[in-house]
Each structure stands twice: as structure tokens, then as C-alpha cells.
């Protein structure tokens, strides 16, 4: 169920931010999920705000999450989030 909601929110996220930032769900477990981000957002200041934007989008759907970490891998960012509820 969480994975379906994640994909719905990511689709909406991409609608308003792509091509500047495009997100794709890479993995979802019971406690954590990983999202890959790509686009030209990484050359802007405060680029991590694009990761936090996803947290706010998920909160609007009633899903409390927290950004745990992000890493640059093969030309893309992979962010790890934790479910809070």
C-alpha cells in the first residue's frame, strides 16, 4: 500500500518539477525507501530542497517521512527516506 502511494506522489512531484528534477522510486521496504533523482537541479544552490519537497508532498497525503541521507551515484542522486508512521 505504501509503495502505491509513493508512486502516486512521485508522479505528482514529477509533474511539477520535471525536467529540472525527476524522481523515481528505486526501492521500498517496511521502514525505508530510496528514490533516485536526476536533472539539472544539482547545479543550483540549496539543491537538497528537491529531496525535502518530496517529504512535504508525502505529508500532504498523510504519510510522515524523514530524509535520512543522499548520495551521488553514477550521475544521479539516490536519497534514502524513513517512514515515521
N, C-alpha and C. Protein backbone atom coordinates (compact mmCIF):
# COMPACT_ATOMS: atom_id res chain seq x y z
N UNK A 1 0.82 -1.19 0.00
CA UNK A 1 0.00 0.00 0.00
C UNK A 1 0.87 1.27 0.00
N UNK A 2 1.91 1.28 0.82
CA UNK A 2 2.79 2.45 0.85
C UNK A 2 3.46 2.66 -0.50
N UNK A 3 3.84 1.56 -1.16
CA UNK A 3 4.51 1.69 -2.45
C UNK A 3 3.59 2.33 -3.48
N UNK A 4 2.32 1.97 -3.46
CA UNK A 4 1.36 2.56 -4.39
C UNK A 4 1.22 4.06 -4.13
N UNK A 5 1.14 4.44 -2.86
CA UNK A 5 1.05 5.85 -2.51
C UNK A 5 2.33 6.60 -2.88
N UNK A 6 3.48 5.98 -2.65
CA UNK A 6 4.75 6.59 -3.03
C UNK A 6 4.78 6.89 -4.52
N UNK A 7 4.39 5.92 -5.33
CA UNK A 7 4.39 6.12 -6.78
C UNK A 7 3.42 7.22 -7.20
N UNK A 8 2.28 7.30 -6.55
CA UNK A 8 1.30 8.35 -6.86
C UNK A 8 1.89 9.73 -6.57
N UNK A 9 2.52 9.86 -5.41
CA UNK A 9 3.09 11.15 -5.01
C UNK A 9 4.29 11.51 -5.89
N UNK A 10 5.11 10.53 -6.23
CA UNK A 10 6.26 10.79 -7.10
C UNK A 10 5.79 11.24 -8.48
N UNK A 11 4.71 10.66 -8.96
CA UNK A 11 4.16 11.08 -10.26
C UNK A 11 3.75 12.56 -10.20
N UNK A 12 3.10 12.95 -9.11
CA UNK A 12 2.70 14.36 -8.96
C UNK A 12 3.94 15.25 -8.79
N UNK A 13 4.91 14.79 -8.03
CA UNK A 13 6.18 15.52 -7.84
C UNK A 13 6.80 15.80 -9.21
N UNK A 14 6.88 14.79 -10.05
CA UNK A 14 7.49 14.95 -11.37
C UNK A 14 6.69 15.88 -12.26
N UNK A 15 5.38 15.87 -12.11
CA UNK A 15 4.53 16.74 -12.93
C UNK A 15 4.93 18.20 -12.78
N UNK A 16 5.28 18.59 -11.57
CA UNK A 16 5.59 20.00 -11.31
C UNK A 16 7.07 20.33 -11.30
N UNK A 17 7.94 19.33 -11.27
CA UNK A 17 9.37 19.61 -11.15
C UNK A 17 10.22 19.12 -12.32
N UNK A 18 9.70 18.21 -13.08
CA UNK A 18 10.45 17.67 -14.21
C UNK A 18 10.38 18.66 -15.37
N UNK A 19 11.43 18.86 -16.13
CA UNK A 19 12.68 18.11 -16.19
C UNK A 19 13.76 18.63 -15.25
N UNK A 20 13.49 19.72 -14.54
CA UNK A 20 14.52 20.25 -13.61
C UNK A 20 14.93 19.20 -12.58
N UNK A 21 13.96 18.47 -12.04
CA UNK A 21 14.22 17.36 -11.12
C UNK A 21 13.19 16.28 -11.40
N UNK A 22 13.66 15.07 -11.62
CA UNK A 22 12.79 13.93 -11.88
C UNK A 22 13.12 12.84 -10.88
N UNK A 23 12.07 12.33 -10.22
CA UNK A 23 12.25 11.31 -9.19
C UNK A 23 11.72 9.97 -9.68
N UNK A 24 12.35 8.90 -9.17
CA UNK A 24 11.91 7.53 -9.49
C UNK A 24 12.13 6.66 -8.26
N UNK A 25 11.11 5.94 -7.87
CA UNK A 25 11.22 5.03 -6.73
C UNK A 25 12.14 3.88 -7.09
N UNK A 26 13.17 3.67 -6.29
CA UNK A 26 14.11 2.57 -6.54
C UNK A 26 13.83 1.37 -5.67
N UNK A 27 13.40 1.62 -4.43
CA UNK A 27 13.15 0.51 -3.51
C UNK A 27 12.26 1.00 -2.38
N UNK A 28 11.38 0.12 -1.91
CA UNK A 28 10.54 0.44 -0.76
C UNK A 28 10.45 -0.79 0.13
N UNK A 29 10.85 -0.61 1.38
CA UNK A 29 10.74 -1.66 2.39
C UNK A 29 9.72 -1.20 3.42
N UNK A 30 9.61 -1.95 4.49
CA UNK A 30 8.65 -1.59 5.53
C UNK A 30 9.01 -0.28 6.23
N UNK A 31 10.30 -0.05 6.44
CA UNK A 31 10.74 1.13 7.19
C UNK A 31 11.40 2.21 6.35
N UNK A 32 12.03 1.83 5.23
CA UNK A 32 12.80 2.76 4.41
C UNK A 32 12.38 2.69 2.95
N UNK A 33 12.67 3.76 2.22
CA UNK A 33 12.54 3.72 0.77
C UNK A 33 13.61 4.60 0.16
N UNK A 34 13.99 4.26 -1.08
CA UNK A 34 15.02 5.00 -1.81
C UNK A 34 14.42 5.56 -3.09
N UNK A 35 14.79 6.80 -3.36
CA UNK A 35 14.31 7.48 -4.56
C UNK A 35 15.51 8.04 -5.30
N UNK A 36 15.53 7.80 -6.60
CA UNK A 36 16.59 8.33 -7.46
C UNK A 36 16.11 9.66 -8.04
N UNK A 37 16.98 10.66 -8.00
CA UNK A 37 16.68 11.98 -8.54
C UNK A 37 17.70 12.30 -9.62
N UNK A 38 17.21 12.85 -10.72
CA UNK A 38 18.12 13.32 -11.76
C UNK A 38 17.56 14.59 -12.38
N UNK A 39 18.43 15.33 -13.02
CA UNK A 39 18.03 16.57 -13.65
C UNK A 39 19.08 17.64 -13.41
N UNK A 40 18.76 18.85 -13.82
CA UNK A 40 19.73 19.94 -13.72
C UNK A 40 19.67 20.66 -12.37
N UNK A 41 18.83 20.18 -11.45
CA UNK A 41 18.71 20.82 -10.14
C UNK A 41 20.02 20.81 -9.36
N UNK A 42 20.90 19.87 -9.66
CA UNK A 42 22.12 19.73 -8.87
C UNK A 42 23.11 20.87 -9.06
N UNK A 43 22.86 21.74 -10.03
CA UNK A 43 23.75 22.89 -10.21
C UNK A 43 23.20 24.15 -9.53
N UNK A 44 22.13 23.99 -8.77
CA UNK A 44 21.53 25.13 -8.10
C UNK A 44 21.90 25.14 -6.62
N UNK A 45 21.79 26.31 -6.03
CA UNK A 45 22.03 26.37 -4.59
C UNK A 45 20.85 25.72 -3.88
N UNK A 46 21.10 25.18 -2.72
CA UNK A 46 20.06 24.51 -1.92
C UNK A 46 19.42 23.35 -2.68
N UNK A 47 20.23 22.64 -3.43
CA UNK A 47 19.69 21.56 -4.26
C UNK A 47 19.04 20.46 -3.43
N UNK A 48 19.41 20.32 -2.16
CA UNK A 48 18.79 19.30 -1.33
C UNK A 48 17.32 19.61 -1.04
N UNK A 49 16.89 20.83 -1.30
CA UNK A 49 15.48 21.18 -1.13
C UNK A 49 14.57 20.33 -2.02
N UNK A 50 15.10 19.86 -3.15
CA UNK A 50 14.31 19.00 -4.02
C UNK A 50 13.99 17.68 -3.33
N UNK A 51 14.87 17.20 -2.45
CA UNK A 51 14.60 15.98 -1.69
C UNK A 51 13.56 16.26 -0.61
N UNK A 52 13.70 17.41 0.06
CA UNK A 52 12.74 17.77 1.10
C UNK A 52 11.35 18.04 0.51
N UNK A 53 11.29 18.52 -0.72
CA UNK A 53 9.99 18.73 -1.37
C UNK A 53 9.18 17.44 -1.41
N UNK A 54 9.85 16.33 -1.64
CA UNK A 54 9.15 15.05 -1.67
C UNK A 54 8.58 14.72 -0.29
N UNK A 55 9.31 15.03 0.77
CA UNK A 55 8.81 14.82 2.13
C UNK A 55 7.51 15.59 2.34
N UNK A 56 7.47 16.85 1.88
CA UNK A 56 6.26 17.67 2.04
C UNK A 56 5.11 17.15 1.18
N UNK A 57 5.41 16.70 -0.02
CA UNK A 57 4.37 16.12 -0.88
C UNK A 57 3.76 14.88 -0.21
N UNK A 58 4.60 14.05 0.38
CA UNK A 58 4.12 12.85 1.06
C UNK A 58 3.30 13.21 2.30
N UNK A 59 3.71 14.25 3.00
CA UNK A 59 2.97 14.69 4.18
C UNK A 59 1.56 15.14 3.80
N UNK A 60 1.43 15.79 2.65
CA UNK A 60 0.11 16.21 2.17
C UNK A 60 -0.83 15.02 1.97
N UNK A 61 -0.26 13.85 1.74
CA UNK A 61 -1.05 12.62 1.57
C UNK A 61 -1.18 11.83 2.87
N UNK A 62 -0.70 12.41 3.98
CA UNK A 62 -0.82 11.76 5.27
C UNK A 62 0.29 10.79 5.61
N UNK A 63 1.36 10.81 4.83
CA UNK A 63 2.48 9.89 5.06
C UNK A 63 3.67 10.68 5.61
N UNK A 64 3.97 10.47 6.87
CA UNK A 64 5.08 11.16 7.53
C UNK A 64 6.38 10.43 7.21
N UNK A 65 7.34 11.17 6.67
CA UNK A 65 8.64 10.60 6.30
C UNK A 65 9.75 11.54 6.71
N UNK A 66 10.96 11.02 6.68
CA UNK A 66 12.14 11.82 7.03
C UNK A 66 13.25 11.49 6.05
N UNK A 67 13.92 12.52 5.55
CA UNK A 67 15.10 12.31 4.71
C UNK A 67 16.25 11.88 5.60
N UNK A 68 16.81 10.72 5.33
CA UNK A 68 17.90 10.18 6.14
C UNK A 68 19.27 10.52 5.57
N UNK A 69 19.39 10.41 4.23
CA UNK A 69 20.71 10.51 3.60
C UNK A 69 20.51 10.66 2.10
N UNK A 70 21.51 11.20 1.42
CA UNK A 70 21.52 11.17 -0.04
C UNK A 70 22.96 11.07 -0.51
N UNK A 71 23.12 10.37 -1.64
CA UNK A 71 24.44 10.14 -2.21
C UNK A 71 24.38 10.33 -3.71
N UNK A 72 25.51 10.74 -4.26
CA UNK A 72 25.64 10.88 -5.71
C UNK A 72 26.19 9.58 -6.26
N UNK A 73 25.42 8.92 -7.13
CA UNK A 73 25.81 7.64 -7.71
C UNK A 73 25.60 7.65 -9.22
N UNK A 74 26.66 7.46 -9.97
CA UNK A 74 26.58 7.33 -11.43
C UNK A 74 25.79 8.47 -12.08
N UNK A 75 26.09 9.68 -11.68
CA UNK A 75 25.48 10.85 -12.29
C UNK A 75 24.09 11.20 -11.79
N UNK A 76 23.61 10.49 -10.76
CA UNK A 76 22.28 10.73 -10.21
C UNK A 76 22.37 10.70 -8.69
N UNK A 77 21.40 11.32 -8.06
CA UNK A 77 21.33 11.27 -6.60
C UNK A 77 20.36 10.18 -6.18
N UNK A 78 20.72 9.47 -5.12
CA UNK A 78 19.83 8.48 -4.53
C UNK A 78 19.63 8.90 -3.08
N UNK A 79 18.38 9.19 -2.74
CA UNK A 79 18.04 9.63 -1.39
C UNK A 79 17.35 8.51 -0.64
N UNK A 80 17.70 8.37 0.63
CA UNK A 80 17.07 7.37 1.49
C UNK A 80 16.16 8.09 2.48
N UNK A 81 14.93 7.62 2.55
CA UNK A 81 13.92 8.19 3.43
C UNK A 81 13.44 7.12 4.41
N UNK A 82 12.92 7.58 5.54
CA UNK A 82 12.38 6.67 6.55
C UNK A 82 10.92 7.02 6.79
N UNK A 83 10.09 5.99 6.88
CA UNK A 83 8.69 6.19 7.26
C UNK A 83 8.63 6.47 8.76
N UNK A 84 7.85 7.47 9.15
CA UNK A 84 7.72 7.79 10.57
C UNK A 84 6.46 7.21 11.18
N UNK A 85 5.51 6.80 10.38
CA UNK A 85 4.27 6.22 10.94
C UNK A 85 3.95 4.90 10.30
